[in-house]
């Protein structure tokens, strides 16, 4: 078991009622399950189901959530944000500019 820190952002923070919490678990999935069990709140479950996860600053896939962890882990839970997205090849001056901290790419409107 390792200490996994869950950091909630925006709507995830509102649904969790806290900014951060820690759980002893082997995987990110187990830590998220413990957070769900602690609340038994359908709204919290919905937010988690649509949120992106960053593990130690990198986007994690569904398979990565089940990877056994051997060291302290920081998980950031990012729910969808308002504003949508820019369609591909439309209004992009720098299509490969990374969004701050998210590991995704965004087109810039001009």
Protein backbone atom coordinates (compact mmCIF):
# COMPACT_ATOMS: atom_id res chain seq x y z
CA UNK A 1 0.00 0.00 0.00
CA UNK A 2 1.06 3.55 -0.73
CA UNK A 3 -0.33 6.95 0.17
CA UNK A 4 -2.36 8.35 -2.74
CA UNK A 5 -3.34 12.03 -2.56
CA UNK A 6 -6.48 13.07 -4.43
CA UNK A 7 -6.69 16.77 -5.37
CA UNK A 8 -10.10 17.94 -6.54
CA UNK A 9 -10.57 20.89 -8.91
CA UNK A 10 -13.63 23.02 -9.74
CA UNK A 11 -16.84 20.93 -9.78
CA UNK A 12 -15.00 17.90 -8.39
CA UNK A 13 -13.96 19.97 -5.37
CA UNK A 14 -17.56 21.10 -4.87
CA UNK A 15 -18.86 17.51 -5.13
CA UNK A 16 -16.16 16.16 -2.79
CA UNK A 17 -16.60 18.94 -0.25
CA UNK A 18 -12.82 19.05 0.24
CA UNK A 19 -9.85 20.23 -1.78
CA UNK A 20 -7.67 17.22 -1.05
CA UNK A 21 -7.71 13.90 0.76
CA UNK A 22 -5.39 10.93 1.11
CA UNK A 23 -5.97 7.19 1.05
CA UNK A 24 -3.74 4.17 1.52
CA UNK A 25 -4.24 2.03 -1.58
CA UNK A 26 -2.32 0.02 -4.17
CA UNK A 27 -3.88 1.67 -7.23
CA UNK A 28 -5.51 4.95 -8.20
CA UNK A 29 -8.72 3.01 -8.85
CA UNK A 30 -8.70 1.71 -5.27
CA UNK A 31 -8.18 5.23 -3.88
CA UNK A 32 -11.07 6.55 -5.99
CA UNK A 33 -13.27 3.66 -4.83
CA UNK A 34 -12.46 4.51 -1.20
CA UNK A 35 -13.41 8.14 -1.85
CA UNK A 36 -16.71 6.98 -3.40
CA UNK A 37 -17.48 4.63 -0.49
CA UNK A 38 -16.77 7.40 2.01
CA UNK A 39 -19.48 9.57 0.45
CA UNK A 40 -22.09 7.29 -1.15
CA UNK A 41 -23.14 10.31 -3.24
CA UNK A 42 -24.42 9.84 -6.82
CA UNK A 43 -23.35 13.41 -7.73
CA UNK A 44 -19.77 12.69 -6.64
CA UNK A 45 -19.81 9.44 -8.64
CA UNK A 46 -21.03 11.32 -11.75
CA UNK A 47 -18.30 13.94 -11.45
CA UNK A 48 -15.61 11.29 -11.08
CA UNK A 49 -16.93 9.32 -14.05
CA UNK A 50 -16.50 12.29 -16.44
CA UNK A 51 -13.31 13.75 -14.97
CA UNK A 52 -9.82 13.57 -16.43
CA UNK A 53 -7.09 12.35 -14.11
CA UNK A 54 -3.52 13.52 -13.92
CA UNK A 55 -1.16 11.24 -12.02
CA UNK A 56 1.99 13.03 -11.00
CA UNK A 57 1.29 15.61 -13.73
CA UNK A 58 0.57 13.18 -16.58
CA UNK A 59 -2.78 12.19 -18.06
CA UNK A 60 -3.57 8.64 -17.00
CA UNK A 61 -5.53 6.11 -19.05
CA UNK A 62 -8.07 3.66 -17.64
CA UNK A 63 -5.36 0.98 -17.62
CA UNK A 64 -2.98 3.30 -15.80
CA UNK A 65 -5.50 3.75 -13.01
CA UNK A 66 -5.16 0.05 -12.19
CA UNK A 67 -1.34 0.07 -12.18
CA UNK A 68 0.06 -0.95 -8.79
CA UNK A 69 1.89 2.02 -7.25
CA UNK A 70 5.06 1.70 -5.21
CA UNK A 71 5.63 5.37 -4.28
CA UNK A 72 3.59 8.35 -3.13
CA UNK A 73 1.16 9.45 -5.84
CA UNK A 74 -0.51 12.81 -6.53
CA UNK A 75 -3.78 12.48 -8.46
CA UNK A 76 -5.51 15.61 -9.78
CA UNK A 77 -9.17 15.21 -10.64
CA UNK A 78 -10.26 17.65 -13.36
CA UNK A 79 -13.94 17.73 -14.30
CA UNK A 80 -14.94 19.04 -17.73
CA UNK A 81 -14.70 22.83 -17.88
CA UNK A 82 -17.13 25.16 -19.66
CA UNK A 83 -16.26 26.55 -23.09
CA UNK A 84 -16.08 23.45 -25.26
CA UNK A 85 -13.29 23.03 -27.77
CA UNK A 86 -12.10 24.53 -31.01
CA UNK A 87 -12.85 22.33 -34.06
CA UNK A 88 -9.71 20.88 -35.69
CA UNK A 89 -7.91 23.18 -38.16
CA UNK A 90 -10.11 26.17 -37.32
CA UNK A 91 -8.63 29.39 -35.89
CA UNK A 92 -5.35 27.73 -34.97
CA UNK A 93 -2.19 29.75 -35.00
CA UNK A 94 -0.23 27.32 -32.83
CA UNK A 95 -1.98 23.92 -32.72
CA UNK A 96 0.73 22.35 -30.55
CA UNK A 97 0.71 24.83 -27.67
CA UNK A 98 0.17 22.74 -24.52
CA UNK A 99 -2.48 23.74 -22.00
CA UNK A 100 -0.93 24.55 -18.67
CA UNK A 101 -0.41 21.38 -16.66
CA UNK A 102 -3.02 19.29 -18.46
CA UNK A 103 -0.87 17.55 -21.08
CA UNK A 104 -3.45 18.26 -23.80
CA UNK A 105 -3.21 20.57 -26.78
CA UNK A 106 -5.46 23.44 -27.68
CA UNK A 107 -5.94 25.65 -30.73
CA UNK A 108 -5.64 29.39 -30.20
CA UNK A 109 -8.36 31.70 -31.56
CA UNK A 110 -7.14 34.68 -33.56
